[in-house]
Amino acid sequence: MLQMRSALESAGFTAHCINLKANSGWHGMEHLALQLRDRVEEVTVARETCALVGFSMGGIVARYYLQRLGGAERVHKFIALSSPHFGSFWAHFLPYKGGRQLRIGSEFLSSLNRDTSVLESAAPVSIWTPYDATILPQSSSRLPLGKTYQIPVSLHRWVPQNRAVIEIVVAELAEVLKDDP
């Protein structure tokens, strides 16, 4: 994430890397989304909005914040990088709450996917790779609304470090500024 942060700052943005505690999802997405909400409140000025970029499970945490905790009012742009919006096969092997929530067909994800319209105000973007061996099926990383970019990145963990992905994130955020200086 340091490469992305550096690129964003070089483009004139203020970037914060938000590290959530118990980030394995042991206590579930709700626990992490509450931390995200608190951190967004800390780093933004009252009545200002911000952009959120979430990688992998972080994109699902961001969605819960946006869709269930009122975050859509604080976020003008949401970008998800290889996030399992419709679950991942591998989550079936994770015995804790967050793992159960990220399973294909989980009630948690089904609930979020029933009202994706809440995300419209955040001009959502999903960036995914067809080579992802962590998010299976890979198509699960595509949001059903907003812009979608398919980038050929070899490994899941390399997605936020990939130059093409970083360029898309910077361009998407710059587009927001161009539309609303």
Protein backbone atom coordinates (compact mmCIF):
# COMPACT_ATOMS: atom_id res chain seq x y z
CA MET A 1 0.00 0.00 0.00
CA LEU A 2 3.01 2.31 0.36
CA GLN A 3 3.37 2.53 -3.43
CA MET A 4 -0.26 3.52 -3.79
CA ARG A 5 0.00 6.03 -0.96
CA SER A 6 3.10 7.57 -2.54
CA ALA A 7 1.40 7.81 -5.96
CA LEU A 8 -1.69 9.42 -4.44
CA GLU A 9 0.37 11.94 -2.52
CA SER A 10 2.42 12.72 -5.65
CA ALA A 11 -0.88 13.43 -7.42
CA GLY A 12 -1.81 15.93 -4.70
CA PHE A 13 -4.07 13.78 -2.52
CA THR A 14 -3.81 13.31 1.22
CA ALA A 15 -3.68 9.54 1.76
CA HIS A 16 -4.13 7.60 4.99
CA CYS A 17 -3.38 3.90 5.34
CA ILE A 18 -5.93 2.60 7.81
CA ASN A 19 -4.87 -0.52 9.66
CA LEU A 20 -7.71 -2.18 11.51
CA LYS A 21 -7.20 -4.41 14.54
CA ALA A 22 -8.04 -8.10 14.40
CA ASN A 23 -7.77 -7.64 10.66
CA SER A 24 -8.17 -11.35 10.03
CA GLY A 25 -11.89 -10.78 10.41
CA TRP A 26 -12.00 -12.96 13.52
CA HIS A 27 -14.75 -10.82 15.07
CA GLY A 28 -16.53 -10.15 11.79
CA MET A 29 -16.84 -7.33 9.31
CA GLU A 30 -19.03 -5.24 11.63
CA HIS A 31 -16.23 -4.93 14.20
CA LEU A 32 -13.81 -3.74 11.53
CA ALA A 33 -16.35 -1.39 9.92
CA LEU A 34 -16.88 0.37 13.25
CA GLN A 35 -13.14 0.99 13.43
CA LEU A 36 -13.19 2.29 9.86
CA ARG A 37 -16.05 4.64 10.69
CA ASP A 38 -14.14 6.00 13.69
CA ARG A 39 -10.96 6.44 11.66
CA VAL A 40 -12.79 8.24 8.83
CA GLU A 41 -14.24 10.59 11.43
CA GLU A 42 -10.74 11.24 12.80
CA VAL A 43 -9.10 12.06 9.46
CA THR A 44 -11.85 14.09 7.81
CA VAL A 45 -13.19 17.51 8.59
CA ALA A 46 -16.86 17.80 9.54
CA ARG A 47 -19.14 17.95 6.49
CA GLU A 48 -16.32 16.97 4.14
CA THR A 49 -16.33 13.77 2.19
CA CYS A 50 -13.48 11.46 1.35
CA ALA A 51 -12.63 8.57 -0.93
CA LEU A 52 -12.16 4.99 0.26
CA VAL A 53 -9.96 2.41 -1.41
CA GLY A 54 -10.38 -1.07 0.06
CA PHE A 55 -8.28 -4.09 -0.83
CA SER A 56 -9.64 -7.63 -0.51
CA MET A 57 -11.61 -7.97 2.73
CA GLY A 58 -11.06 -4.23 3.23
CA GLY A 59 -13.45 -3.60 0.36
CA ILE A 60 -16.14 -5.59 2.14
CA VAL A 61 -15.46 -3.76 5.41
CA ALA A 62 -15.81 -0.48 3.49
CA ARG A 63 -19.08 -1.65 1.95
CA TYR A 64 -20.52 -2.47 5.37
CA TYR A 65 -19.49 0.98 6.58
CA LEU A 66 -21.03 2.61 3.50
CA GLN A 67 -24.21 0.56 3.41
CA ARG A 68 -24.98 -0.06 7.09
CA LEU A 69 -23.20 2.59 9.16
CA GLY A 70 -24.09 5.72 7.19
CA GLY A 71 -20.71 6.00 5.51
CA ALA A 72 -22.29 6.77 2.14
CA GLU A 73 -22.89 10.29 3.45
CA ARG A 74 -19.15 10.74 4.12
CA VAL A 75 -17.67 9.05 1.04
CA HIS A 76 -17.81 10.46 -2.50
CA LYS A 77 -15.74 7.69 -4.12
CA PHE A 78 -15.37 3.99 -3.27
CA ILE A 79 -12.82 1.81 -5.01
CA ALA A 80 -12.65 -1.92 -4.28
CA LEU A 81 -9.53 -3.85 -5.23
CA SER A 82 -10.02 -7.63 -5.55
CA SER A 83 -12.76 -7.73 -2.93
CA PRO A 84 -14.99 -10.83 -2.65
CA HIS A 85 -18.35 -9.06 -3.16
CA PHE A 86 -20.05 -12.39 -3.80
CA GLY A 87 -17.77 -14.47 -1.58
CA SER A 88 -14.81 -16.74 -2.10
CA PHE A 89 -14.49 -20.50 -2.13
CA TRP A 90 -11.54 -20.31 0.30
CA ALA A 91 -13.64 -18.60 2.98
CA HIS A 92 -15.35 -21.96 3.57
CA PHE A 93 -12.11 -23.06 5.26
CA LEU A 94 -12.08 -20.14 7.70
CA PRO A 95 -13.96 -21.21 10.85
CA TYR A 96 -14.37 -17.77 12.43
CA LYS A 97 -17.10 -15.16 11.96
CA GLY A 98 -15.39 -13.14 9.23
CA GLY A 99 -14.67 -16.29 7.26
CA ARG A 100 -18.30 -17.34 7.46
CA GLN A 101 -19.36 -13.87 6.30
CA LEU A 102 -17.10 -14.04 3.23
CA ARG A 103 -18.37 -17.40 2.02
CA ILE A 104 -20.19 -17.70 -1.27
CA GLY A 105 -23.90 -17.33 -0.57
CA SER A 106 -23.47 -16.04 3.01
CA GLU A 107 -26.38 -14.10 4.44
CA PHE A 108 -23.95 -11.27 5.24
CA LEU A 109 -22.91 -10.75 1.59
CA SER A 110 -26.39 -11.50 0.26
CA SER A 111 -27.76 -8.75 2.48
CA LEU A 112 -25.19 -6.24 1.22
CA ASN A 113 -25.83 -7.27 -2.37
CA ARG A 114 -29.58 -6.79 -2.04
CA ASP A 115 -29.19 -3.02 -1.62
CA THR A 116 -26.15 -2.03 -3.63
CA SER A 117 -28.02 1.09 -4.71
CA VAL A 118 -26.74 2.72 -1.49
CA LEU A 119 -23.30 2.66 -3.11
CA GLU A 120 -24.36 4.76 -6.11
CA SER A 121 -23.60 8.05 -4.36
CA ALA A 122 -20.02 6.83 -3.82
CA ALA A 123 -19.46 6.31 -7.58
CA PRO A 124 -18.16 2.77 -7.01
CA VAL A 125 -15.31 1.21 -8.93
CA SER A 126 -14.19 -2.41 -8.78
CA ILE A 127 -10.77 -3.49 -9.98
CA TRP A 128 -10.11 -7.20 -10.31
CA THR A 129 -7.80 -9.74 -11.88
CA PRO A 130 -8.79 -12.91 -13.72
CA TYR A 131 -5.69 -14.61 -12.23
CA ASP A 132 -6.71 -14.19 -8.59
CA ALA A 133 -6.30 -17.51 -6.76
CA THR A 134 -7.58 -16.03 -3.47
CA ILE A 135 -10.94 -14.75 -4.67
CA LEU A 136 -12.61 -17.73 -6.34
CA PRO A 137 -14.48 -17.31 -8.53
CA GLN A 138 -12.56 -14.26 -9.67
CA SER A 139 -15.75 -12.68 -11.01
CA SER A 140 -16.84 -12.27 -7.39
CA SER A 141 -14.58 -9.20 -7.31
CA ARG A 142 -16.83 -7.30 -9.72
CA LEU A 143 -19.44 -5.04 -8.18
CA PRO A 144 -22.82 -5.19 -9.92
CA LEU A 145 -22.77 -1.41 -10.43
CA GLY A 146 -20.30 1.34 -11.18
CA LYS A 147 -17.14 1.04 -13.23
CA THR A 148 -15.22 -2.22 -13.48
CA TYR A 149 -11.62 -2.70 -14.57
CA GLN A 150 -10.01 -6.05 -15.29
CA ILE A 151 -6.23 -5.93 -14.86
CA PRO A 152 -3.98 -8.96 -15.44
CA VAL A 153 -2.16 -9.20 -12.10
CA SER A 154 -0.61 -12.57 -11.28
CA LEU A 155 -1.20 -12.67 -7.51
CA HIS A 156 -3.95 -11.34 -5.23
CA ARG A 157 -1.52 -9.62 -2.89
CA TRP A 158 0.14 -7.79 -5.79
CA VAL A 159 -3.05 -6.02 -6.87
CA PRO A 160 -2.62 -2.85 -4.74
CA GLN A 161 1.06 -2.65 -5.77
CA ASN A 162 0.45 -3.03 -9.51
CA ARG A 163 1.35 0.08 -11.52
CA ALA A 164 -1.74 -0.17 -13.77
CA VAL A 165 -4.03 -0.53 -10.76
CA ILE A 166 -2.42 2.46 -9.05
CA GLU A 167 -2.80 4.54 -12.21
CA ILE A 168 -6.51 3.68 -12.38
CA VAL A 169 -7.03 4.63 -8.73
CA VAL A 170 -5.25 7.96 -9.22
CA ALA A 171 -7.19 8.66 -12.44
CA GLU A 172 -10.54 7.79 -10.83
CA LEU A 173 -9.86 10.12 -7.92
CA ALA A 174 -8.60 12.87 -10.21
CA GLU A 175 -11.82 12.53 -12.22
CA VAL A 176 -13.80 13.33 -9.08
CA LEU A 177 -11.78 16.52 -8.60
CA LYS A 178 -12.24 17.48 -12.24
CA ASP A 179 -16.02 17.05 -11.90
CA ASP A 180 -16.25 18.84 -8.54
CA PRO A 181 -13.26 21.09 -7.78
